[in-house]
Amino acid sequence: MTATSTDRSTAEQPAGGGMFRALRVRNYRRYASANLVSQTGTWMQRIGQDWLVLQLTDDSGVALGLITALQFAPTVLLSPYGGLLADRYPKRRLLQISQACMGMLALVLALLVATDAVALWHVFVLASGLGAAAAIDAPVRQSFVSEMVGPELLTNAVSLNSTIFNGARLVGPSVAGLLIGLSSGNTAPAFFVNAASFAFTILALGSMRADELRPSDRVARGKGQLRAGAAYAWAHRDLVLAMGLAFVVGTFGFNYQITIALMARAEFGLGAEAFGLLATVFAVGSLSGALLSTRRSRRPRQRFLIGSALVFGVLTVVTGLMPGYFWFGVLLVPTGAAALVFSVANNSFVQLGVDPQMRGRVMALYFMCFMGGTPLGAPLIGVIAEHLGPRWGLILGGGVVVLAAALAGVVLARGRSVRLQAGRQPPWVRLRVGQRAVLPPDARAAREATAAEVPGVQSTPPAG
């Protein structure tokens, strides 16, 4: 006798807690294991690509910033359409298509390098193509997580995705550095491995049980759907704050693929193996931060987002001030941890704060903010590092993050102050700040009347 879909679905429901509770869901477990292989290949590609650019340009920080910008520039243009596609069409099929496209582009670069036919413009064009495919893939992939695990495990699954991402970052750079070193500086092996790694995700997606997914209702084709997603996000002030922090941190703080490479090669005069080791050390910290985040089961508060961004900015500045290779590597550990604590909290905050039918479009806007500033920030950090020294890329980038977090804290505090002053009216208005008020039965009508009379008073408790 075969189990029905209801029986299987019930059997797959995770019981209890634990750091890895989302892995009890069969579909997510398959996706996560394949994603670890694919992400390892992706990090090998990034390390190989950055090293190839330095080889082709005699250590140009500007060229390194430009290649990073080209890879992330399509995020600004295409992510909204990726989010719209995620709301309209089956996400699993879209992911199979995007993964296949990225695998083919990685294979083309591998063949160009292996045949000694590669030129800098080839790397620029292929990086742009990878960025275009990733811009479609990212919002689809992020919104697909909730279909695999449901809202009750979404925070844990997002944290585990970051753990996988940084576990791959831990392994990928080291393997890439080793392969490049053993190949006498040839980056082709890293690109071949990445091209093959996409097959694992495609196969995992194809082997999922469709009846155990939790797809949201699809949005029918219509006019103004992108504008509707933007209007929805703009109407929620908590989402605006999260996306503003994501833009600043993503633009000025998350440029370690540039700064670590320049510090290793230009500041410390070291080779590909040392570069890969530094990237691995940063990944150790990132992995630690992701594992810490798996313990969270609720939507983070706004003040936690601000505090984690502030800590990350301060640590970035301090890391840039470290005098030698050893201490620079040591400080990369807490900096990487702070980066991932902020990233996971911000991602969970946005995903858990939107309606399911809007999730694809809102996550696309989120990735536009987080990654869309890279075309501006990466070349800017590259120019600063080339003319003032690699350290200043870290110091100034971290300083901007600190200022932005401090400003967000002031804005949030002023907003709370206004609500507290309004709370001097009836006691249920005051109790609504920071927690949900428990009202007597006859107070509901009076509360609504007071909320209508007092400007700025909301009928629901503020997030964060």
Protein backbone atom coordinates (compact mmCIF):
# COMPACT_ATOMS: atom_id res chain seq x y z
CA MET A 1 0.00 0.00 0.00
CA THR A 2 1.46 3.36 -1.03
CA ALA A 3 1.33 6.46 1.12
CA THR A 4 -0.91 9.27 -0.02
CA SER A 5 0.43 12.77 -0.52
CA THR A 6 -1.25 13.79 2.72
CA ASP A 7 0.46 10.95 4.58
CA ARG A 8 3.85 11.87 3.16
CA SER A 9 3.29 15.53 3.83
CA THR A 10 2.38 14.77 7.43
CA ALA A 11 5.37 12.52 7.82
CA GLU A 12 7.64 15.22 6.53
CA GLN A 13 6.43 17.79 9.03
CA PRO A 14 9.38 18.58 11.32
CA ALA A 15 8.88 18.03 15.00
CA GLY A 16 10.74 19.88 17.72
CA GLY A 17 13.49 22.42 17.38
CA GLY A 18 17.18 22.29 16.59
CA MET A 19 19.62 24.24 14.47
CA PHE A 20 18.98 22.02 11.41
CA ARG A 21 15.24 21.43 11.79
CA ALA A 22 14.41 22.53 8.21
CA LEU A 23 16.53 19.65 6.89
CA ARG A 24 13.85 17.24 8.10
CA VAL A 25 11.81 18.33 5.09
CA ARG A 26 12.71 15.98 2.23
CA ASN A 27 12.48 18.47 -0.63
CA TYR A 28 14.54 21.07 1.19
CA ARG A 29 17.11 18.46 2.21
CA ARG A 30 17.68 17.54 -1.44
CA TYR A 31 17.83 21.16 -2.48
CA ALA A 32 20.26 22.06 0.31
CA SER A 33 22.71 19.23 -0.40
CA ALA A 34 22.83 20.06 -4.12
CA ASN A 35 23.09 23.75 -3.34
CA LEU A 36 26.21 23.11 -1.26
CA VAL A 37 27.92 21.56 -4.28
CA SER A 38 26.75 24.31 -6.63
CA GLN A 39 27.75 27.13 -4.28
CA THR A 40 31.20 25.60 -3.82
CA GLY A 41 31.65 25.73 -7.57
CA THR A 42 30.38 29.30 -7.66
CA TRP A 43 32.97 30.40 -5.11
CA MET A 44 35.68 28.64 -7.08
CA GLN A 45 34.54 30.60 -10.13
CA ARG A 46 34.64 33.91 -8.25
CA ILE A 47 38.14 33.33 -6.94
CA GLY A 48 39.33 32.17 -10.36
CA GLN A 49 37.66 35.09 -12.11
CA ASP A 50 39.19 37.69 -9.78
CA TRP A 51 42.62 36.11 -10.13
CA LEU A 52 42.27 35.93 -13.92
CA VAL A 53 41.44 39.65 -14.07
CA LEU A 54 44.49 40.49 -11.97
CA GLN A 55 46.63 38.37 -14.29
CA LEU A 56 45.26 40.05 -17.42
CA THR A 57 45.55 43.62 -16.09
CA ASP A 58 48.76 43.62 -13.97
CA ASP A 59 46.92 43.94 -10.65
CA SER A 60 44.44 46.67 -11.59
CA GLY A 61 42.02 47.45 -8.75
CA VAL A 62 39.84 49.42 -11.15
CA ALA A 63 39.48 46.44 -13.50
CA LEU A 64 38.67 44.19 -10.55
CA GLY A 65 35.99 46.61 -9.39
CA LEU A 66 34.63 46.88 -12.94
CA ILE A 67 34.30 43.12 -13.40
CA THR A 68 32.42 42.93 -10.11
CA ALA A 69 30.18 45.81 -11.18
CA LEU A 70 29.39 44.15 -14.52
CA GLN A 71 28.46 40.93 -12.75
CA PHE A 72 26.02 42.70 -10.44
CA ALA A 73 24.74 45.49 -12.73
CA PRO A 74 22.01 43.29 -14.29
CA THR A 75 20.49 43.01 -10.81
CA VAL A 76 19.20 46.58 -11.14
CA LEU A 77 17.48 45.93 -14.47
CA LEU A 78 16.40 42.29 -14.30
CA SER A 79 15.66 41.45 -10.66
CA PRO A 80 12.17 43.04 -10.78
CA TYR A 81 11.30 40.83 -13.74
CA GLY A 82 12.74 37.81 -11.93
CA GLY A 83 10.45 38.59 -9.01
CA LEU A 84 7.48 39.01 -11.32
CA LEU A 85 8.24 35.69 -13.02
CA ALA A 86 8.47 34.07 -9.57
CA ASP A 87 4.95 35.30 -8.76
CA ARG A 88 3.55 34.19 -12.14
CA TYR A 89 5.17 30.85 -13.02
CA PRO A 90 6.33 27.62 -11.30
CA LYS A 91 9.49 28.53 -9.42
CA ARG A 92 11.06 25.10 -9.69
CA ARG A 93 11.01 25.20 -13.51
CA LEU A 94 12.41 28.74 -13.56
CA LEU A 95 15.30 27.67 -11.33
CA GLN A 96 16.18 24.76 -13.60
CA ILE A 97 16.40 27.13 -16.56
CA SER A 98 18.50 29.75 -14.78
CA GLN A 99 20.89 27.13 -13.37
CA ALA A 100 21.40 25.63 -16.83
CA CYS A 101 22.20 29.07 -18.29
CA MET A 102 24.79 29.80 -15.61
CA GLY A 103 26.39 26.40 -16.13
CA MET A 104 26.79 27.04 -19.86
CA LEU A 105 28.39 30.45 -19.30
CA ALA A 106 30.88 28.98 -16.84
CA LEU A 107 31.75 26.28 -19.37
CA VAL A 108 32.41 28.86 -22.11
CA LEU A 109 34.87 30.75 -19.88
CA ALA A 110 36.59 27.51 -18.92
CA LEU A 111 37.09 26.59 -22.59
CA LEU A 112 38.43 30.05 -23.46
CA VAL A 113 41.00 29.90 -20.68
CA ALA A 114 41.94 26.27 -21.39
CA THR A 115 42.60 27.06 -25.08
CA ASP A 116 44.57 30.21 -24.16
CA ALA A 117 42.14 32.32 -26.18
CA VAL A 118 40.75 34.40 -23.31
CA ALA A 119 40.86 38.20 -23.40
CA LEU A 120 39.71 40.70 -20.80
CA TRP A 121 36.60 41.59 -22.78
CA HIS A 122 35.58 37.93 -22.79
CA VAL A 123 35.62 37.96 -18.99
CA PHE A 124 33.59 41.19 -18.94
CA VAL A 125 30.92 39.81 -21.30
CA LEU A 126 30.61 36.46 -19.55
CA ALA A 127 30.50 38.09 -16.12
CA SER A 128 27.61 40.23 -17.36
CA GLY A 129 25.84 37.11 -18.65
CA LEU A 130 26.28 35.36 -15.32
CA GLY A 131 24.94 38.45 -13.59
CA ALA A 132 21.86 38.49 -15.83
CA ALA A 133 21.07 34.84 -15.09
CA ALA A 134 21.72 35.36 -11.37
CA ALA A 135 19.44 38.42 -11.32
CA ILE A 136 16.54 36.22 -12.45
CA ASP A 137 17.61 33.30 -10.27
CA ALA A 138 17.98 35.12 -6.93
CA PRO A 139 14.41 36.33 -6.25
CA VAL A 140 12.98 33.06 -7.60
CA ARG A 141 15.29 31.01 -5.37
CA GLN A 142 14.60 33.09 -2.28
CA SER A 143 10.82 32.94 -2.67
CA PHE A 144 10.99 29.19 -3.48
CA VAL A 145 12.37 28.45 0.00
CA SER A 146 9.01 29.17 1.62
CA GLU A 147 7.32 26.75 -0.78
CA MET A 148 9.64 23.96 0.36
CA VAL A 149 9.45 24.49 4.13
CA GLY A 150 6.47 26.74 4.88
CA PRO A 151 6.42 29.89 7.01
CA GLU A 152 7.07 28.10 10.32
CA LEU A 153 10.54 26.98 9.16
CA LEU A 154 11.36 29.87 6.87
CA THR A 155 13.73 31.67 9.26
CA ASN A 156 15.65 28.47 9.93
CA ALA A 157 15.82 27.62 6.21
CA VAL A 158 17.11 31.11 5.35
CA SER A 159 19.80 30.71 8.01
CA LEU A 160 20.71 27.26 6.70
CA ASN A 161 20.94 28.64 3.17
CA SER A 162 23.44 31.18 4.47
CA THR A 163 25.27 28.40 6.32
CA ILE A 164 25.50 26.44 3.07
CA PHE A 165 26.59 29.53 1.18
CA ASN A 166 29.37 30.19 3.65
CA GLY A 167 30.29 26.54 4.04
CA ALA A 168 30.88 26.64 0.30
CA ARG A 169 32.81 29.87 0.75
CA LEU A 170 34.93 28.02 3.28
CA VAL A 171 35.78 25.21 0.86
CA GLY A 172 35.58 26.84 -2.57
CA PRO A 173 38.32 29.49 -2.29
CA SER A 174 40.79 27.02 -0.80
CA VAL A 175 40.13 24.44 -3.50
CA ALA A 176 40.29 27.12 -6.20
CA GLY A 177 43.56 28.52 -4.83
CA LEU A 178 45.01 25.01 -4.66
CA LEU A 179 43.92 24.16 -8.22
CA ILE A 180 45.25 27.44 -9.59
CA GLY A 181 48.55 26.94 -7.75
CA LEU A 182 48.92 23.33 -8.96
CA SER A 183 48.09 24.47 -12.51
CA SER A 184 50.85 27.11 -12.44
CA GLY A 185 48.36 29.98 -12.36
CA ASN A 186 45.86 28.51 -14.86
CA THR A 187 42.30 29.30 -13.72
CA ALA A 188 40.52 26.95 -16.17
CA PRO A 189 40.12 24.02 -13.70
CA ALA A 190 38.13 26.21 -11.30
CA PHE A 191 35.76 27.20 -14.12
CA PHE A 192 35.29 23.60 -15.28
CA VAL A 193 34.36 22.48 -11.76
CA ASN A 194 31.81 25.28 -11.46
CA ALA A 195 30.22 24.43 -14.82
CA ALA A 196 29.73 20.81 -13.68
CA SER A 197 28.36 21.79 -10.26
CA PHE A 198 25.13 23.28 -11.63
CA ALA A 199 24.01 19.81 -12.73
CA PHE A 200 23.53 18.80 -9.08
CA THR A 201 20.97 21.54 -8.43
CA ILE A 202 19.11 20.81 -11.68
CA LEU A 203 18.85 17.12 -10.77
CA ALA A 204 17.76 17.88 -7.19
CA LEU A 205 15.01 20.21 -8.39
CA GLY A 206 13.78 17.57 -10.83
CA SER A 207 13.63 14.86 -8.15
CA MET A 208 11.47 16.83 -5.70
CA ARG A 209 7.99 15.65 -4.74
CA ALA A 210 5.66 18.26 -6.22
CA ASP A 211 2.78 17.30 -3.94
CA GLU A 212 4.84 18.23 -0.87
CA LEU A 213 5.54 21.78 -2.05
CA ARG A 214 3.43 24.68 -0.78
CA PRO A 215 3.07 26.93 -3.83
CA SER A 216 1.46 30.31 -3.37
CA ASP A 217 -1.37 31.35 -5.67
CA ARG A 218 0.02 32.51 -8.98
CA VAL A 219 -0.50 36.08 -10.07
CA ALA A 220 -2.26 36.44 -13.41
CA ARG A 221 -0.71 38.58 -16.12
CA GLY A 222 -1.72 42.21 -15.88
CA LYS A 223 -0.56 45.78 -16.15
CA GLY A 224 1.19 47.63 -13.37
CA GLN A 225 2.31 44.59 -11.39
CA LEU A 226 5.88 45.83 -10.95
CA ARG A 227 4.56 49.20 -9.75
CA ALA A 228 2.23 47.38 -7.37
CA GLY A 229 5.18 45.55 -5.82
CA ALA A 230 7.12 48.80 -5.39
CA ALA A 231 4.08 50.56 -3.93
CA TYR A 232 3.54 47.69 -1.49
CA ALA A 233 7.13 47.90 -0.23
CA TRP A 234 7.05 51.71 -0.01
CA ALA A 235 3.86 51.60 2.05
CA HIS A 236 5.58 49.50 4.75
CA ARG A 237 8.13 51.62 6.59
CA ASP A 238 9.83 48.60 8.16
CA LEU A 239 10.60 47.23 4.68
CA VAL A 240 11.93 50.63 3.57
CA LEU A 241 14.35 50.70 6.52
CA ALA A 242 15.55 47.14 5.84
CA MET A 243 16.09 47.84 2.14
CA GLY A 244 17.87 51.11 2.87
CA LEU A 245 20.31 49.34 5.18
CA ALA A 246 20.73 46.58 2.58
CA PHE A 247 21.64 49.14 -0.07
CA VAL A 248 24.30 50.88 2.03
CA VAL A 249 25.84 47.67 3.38
CA GLY A 250 25.77 45.98 -0.02
CA THR A 251 27.23 48.99 -1.81
CA PHE A 252 30.00 50.00 0.58
CA GLY A 253 30.52 47.08 2.95
CA PHE A 254 30.15 43.85 1.00
CA ASN A 255 33.14 44.34 -1.30
CA TYR A 256 35.43 41.76 0.25
CA GLN A 257 35.93 39.96 -3.07
CA ILE A 258 37.85 43.10 -4.11
CA THR A 259 39.48 44.21 -0.87
CA ILE A 260 40.78 40.77 0.17
CA ALA A 261 42.29 40.17 -3.27
CA LEU A 262 44.01 43.57 -3.27
CA MET A 263 45.22 43.23 0.32
CA ALA A 264 46.71 39.80 -0.45
CA ARG A 265 48.41 40.75 -3.71
CA ALA A 266 49.16 44.48 -3.45
CA GLU A 267 49.49 45.13 0.30
CA PHE A 268 51.10 41.87 1.43
CA GLY A 269 52.69 40.74 -1.88
CA LEU A 270 51.33 37.18 -1.67
CA GLY A 271 50.07 34.64 -4.22
CA ALA A 272 46.86 32.82 -5.07
CA GLU A 273 47.20 30.31 -2.22
CA ALA A 274 47.37 33.10 0.39
CA PHE A 275 44.44 34.89 -1.27
CA GLY A 276 42.38 31.71 -1.12
CA LEU A 277 43.35 31.23 2.54
CA LEU A 278 42.21 34.75 3.47
CA ALA A 279 38.91 34.20 1.67
CA THR A 280 38.53 30.94 3.59
CA VAL A 281 39.23 32.67 6.91
CA PHE A 282 36.54 35.23 6.12
CA ALA A 283 34.22 32.33 5.31
CA VAL A 284 34.94 30.75 8.72
CA GLY A 285 33.57 33.87 10.36
CA SER A 286 30.63 34.00 7.97
CA LEU A 287 29.81 30.37 8.64
CA SER A 288 29.88 31.06 12.38
CA GLY A 289 27.48 33.96 11.95
CA ALA A 290 25.14 31.86 9.83
CA LEU A 291 25.12 29.04 12.38
CA LEU A 292 24.33 31.49 15.15
CA SER A 293 21.41 32.75 13.09
CA THR A 294 19.88 29.27 12.79
CA ARG A 295 18.75 29.52 16.42
CA ARG A 296 16.41 32.39 15.60
CA SER A 297 12.80 31.34 15.10
CA ARG A 298 11.03 34.71 14.94
CA ARG A 299 11.17 37.76 12.74
CA PRO A 300 14.08 40.00 13.87
CA ARG A 301 13.37 43.45 15.25
CA GLN A 302 14.37 46.64 13.48
CA ARG A 303 16.81 47.61 16.21
CA PHE A 304 18.59 44.27 15.76
CA LEU A 305 19.09 45.03 12.06
CA ILE A 306 20.54 48.44 12.91
CA GLY A 307 22.79 47.08 15.66
CA SER A 308 24.18 44.27 13.51
CA ALA A 309 24.91 46.71 10.65
CA LEU A 310 26.70 49.03 13.10
CA VAL A 311 28.87 46.20 14.46
CA PHE A 312 29.75 45.05 10.94
CA GLY A 313 30.77 48.58 9.90
CA VAL A 314 33.00 49.06 12.95
CA LEU A 315 34.70 45.70 12.44
CA THR A 316 35.31 46.49 8.77
CA VAL A 317 37.12 49.71 9.73
CA VAL A 318 39.20 47.91 12.38
CA THR A 319 40.10 45.14 9.90
CA GLY A 320 41.42 47.74 7.47
CA LEU A 321 43.71 49.09 10.20
CA MET A 322 45.41 45.75 10.93
CA PRO A 323 49.19 46.04 10.32
CA GLY A 324 50.08 42.60 8.94
CA TYR A 325 48.81 39.50 7.16
CA PHE A 326 48.25 37.49 10.35
CA TRP A 327 46.20 40.07 12.24
CA PHE A 328 44.30 40.98 9.10
CA GLY A 329 43.27 37.33 8.80
CA VAL A 330 42.33 37.15 12.49
CA LEU A 331 39.99 40.15 12.22
CA LEU A 332 38.34 38.70 9.13
CA VAL A 333 36.69 36.07 11.35
CA PRO A 334 34.48 38.36 13.51
CA THR A 335 33.91 40.64 10.52
CA GLY A 336 32.60 37.74 8.46
CA ALA A 337 30.39 36.65 11.35
CA ALA A 338 28.91 40.15 11.71
CA ALA A 339 28.32 40.35 7.96
CA LEU A 340 26.26 37.17 7.95
CA VAL A 341 24.33 37.95 11.12
CA PHE A 342 23.16 41.16 9.45
CA SER A 343 22.51 39.52 6.08
CA VAL A 344 20.44 36.62 7.46
CA ALA A 345 18.46 38.87 9.82
CA ASN A 346 17.68 41.36 7.06
CA ASN A 347 16.63 38.64 4.61
CA SER A 348 14.38 36.95 7.18
CA PHE A 349 12.93 40.30 8.24
CA VAL A 350 11.82 41.07 4.67
CA GLN A 351 10.57 37.58 3.75
CA LEU A 352 8.50 37.22 6.92
CA GLY A 353 7.01 40.69 6.53
CA VAL A 354 5.34 40.35 3.12
CA ASP A 355 2.22 38.68 1.74
CA PRO A 356 2.94 35.41 -0.16
CA GLN A 357 1.62 36.77 -3.49
CA MET A 358 3.97 39.75 -3.20
CA ARG A 359 7.02 37.83 -1.99
CA GLY A 360 8.69 37.40 -5.37
CA ARG A 361 8.44 41.08 -6.32
CA VAL A 362 9.43 42.36 -2.87
CA MET A 363 12.41 40.01 -2.70
CA ALA A 364 13.44 41.26 -6.13
CA LEU A 365 13.40 44.82 -4.80
CA TYR A 366 15.39 43.65 -1.79
CA PHE A 367 18.07 42.14 -4.02
CA MET A 368 18.10 45.26 -6.15
CA CYS A 369 18.97 47.18 -3.00
CA PHE A 370 21.46 44.64 -1.66
CA MET A 371 23.24 43.83 -4.91
CA GLY A 372 22.22 46.68 -7.19
CA GLY A 373 24.56 49.15 -5.47
CA THR A 374 27.57 46.97 -6.26
CA PRO A 375 28.02 48.46 -9.77
CA LEU A 376 28.50 51.80 -8.00
CA GLY A 377 30.35 50.65 -4.89
CA ALA A 378 32.73 48.08 -6.38
CA PRO A 379 34.45 50.42 -8.89
CA LEU A 380 34.51 53.18 -6.27
CA ILE A 381 36.19 50.93 -3.71
CA GLY A 382 38.56 49.72 -6.44
CA VAL A 383 39.56 53.31 -7.33
CA ILE A 384 40.07 54.20 -3.66
CA ALA A 385 42.14 51.08 -3.08
CA GLU A 386 44.28 51.68 -6.17
CA HIS A 387 45.03 55.34 -5.43
CA LEU A 388 45.01 55.50 -1.62
CA GLY A 389 45.89 51.91 -0.84
CA PRO A 390 43.83 48.72 -0.26
CA ARG A 391 43.35 49.55 3.42
CA TRP A 392 41.35 52.67 2.62
CA GLY A 393 38.83 50.66 0.65
CA LEU A 394 37.96 48.89 3.90
CA ILE A 395 38.21 51.92 6.19
CA LEU A 396 36.05 54.25 4.12
CA GLY A 397 33.53 51.55 3.16
CA GLY A 398 33.08 50.52 6.78
CA GLY A 399 32.81 54.15 7.85
CA VAL A 400 29.89 54.76 5.49
CA VAL A 401 28.10 51.71 6.94
CA VAL A 402 28.63 53.02 10.49
CA LEU A 403 27.18 56.42 9.59
CA ALA A 404 24.16 54.85 7.85
CA ALA A 405 23.43 52.56 10.81
CA ALA A 406 23.72 55.46 13.24
CA LEU A 407 21.34 57.55 11.11
CA ALA A 408 18.84 54.67 10.93
CA GLY A 409 19.03 54.35 14.71
CA VAL A 410 18.27 58.04 15.15
CA VAL A 411 15.30 57.84 12.77
CA LEU A 412 13.90 54.78 14.54
CA ALA A 413 14.38 56.39 17.97
CA ARG A 414 12.63 59.60 16.88
CA GLY A 415 9.71 57.58 15.52
CA ARG A 416 9.38 55.76 18.83
CA SER A 417 9.57 59.06 20.70
CA VAL A 418 6.62 60.41 18.71
CA ARG A 419 4.55 57.31 19.48
CA LEU A 420 5.48 57.49 23.17
CA GLN A 421 4.33 61.10 23.37
CA ALA A 422 1.08 60.15 21.66
CA GLY A 423 0.78 57.42 24.27
CA ARG A 424 0.09 60.03 26.96
CA GLN A 425 -3.53 59.85 25.84
CA PRO A 426 -5.49 56.77 27.04
CA PRO A 427 -3.41 53.90 28.54
CA TRP A 428 -4.07 51.48 25.67
CA VAL A 429 -2.30 53.88 23.26
CA ARG A 430 0.75 53.95 25.51
CA LEU A 431 0.80 50.18 25.96
CA ARG A 432 0.89 49.69 22.20
CA VAL A 433 4.52 50.88 21.99
CA GLY A 434 6.88 47.89 21.96
CA GLN A 435 4.19 45.28 22.73
CA ARG A 436 0.63 44.38 21.81
CA ALA A 437 -1.86 45.93 24.21
CA VAL A 438 -4.42 43.81 26.05
CA LEU A 439 -7.63 45.85 26.01
CA PRO A 440 -10.80 45.55 28.02
CA PRO A 441 -13.85 44.68 25.87
CA ASP A 442 -15.33 48.17 26.06
CA ALA A 443 -12.10 49.90 25.09
CA ARG A 444 -11.94 48.87 21.41
CA ALA A 445 -14.23 51.60 20.10
CA ALA A 446 -12.50 54.25 22.22
CA ARG A 447 -9.10 53.09 20.93
CA GLU A 448 -10.18 53.46 17.31
CA ALA A 449 -11.54 56.92 18.01
CA THR A 450 -8.33 58.00 19.74
CA ALA A 451 -6.18 56.62 16.92
CA ALA A 452 -8.19 58.66 14.44
CA GLU A 453 -7.73 61.86 16.49
CA VAL A 454 -4.01 61.58 17.36
CA PRO A 455 -1.72 62.06 14.34
CA GLY A 456 0.87 59.34 13.90
CA VAL A 457 -0.86 56.84 16.22
CA GLN A 458 -1.23 53.42 14.58
CA SER A 459 -3.91 50.84 15.32
CA THR A 460 -1.30 48.04 15.24
CA PRO A 461 1.99 47.78 17.12
CA PRO A 462 5.07 49.01 15.24
CA ALA A 463 7.48 46.36 13.98
CA GLY A 464 10.90 46.15 15.55
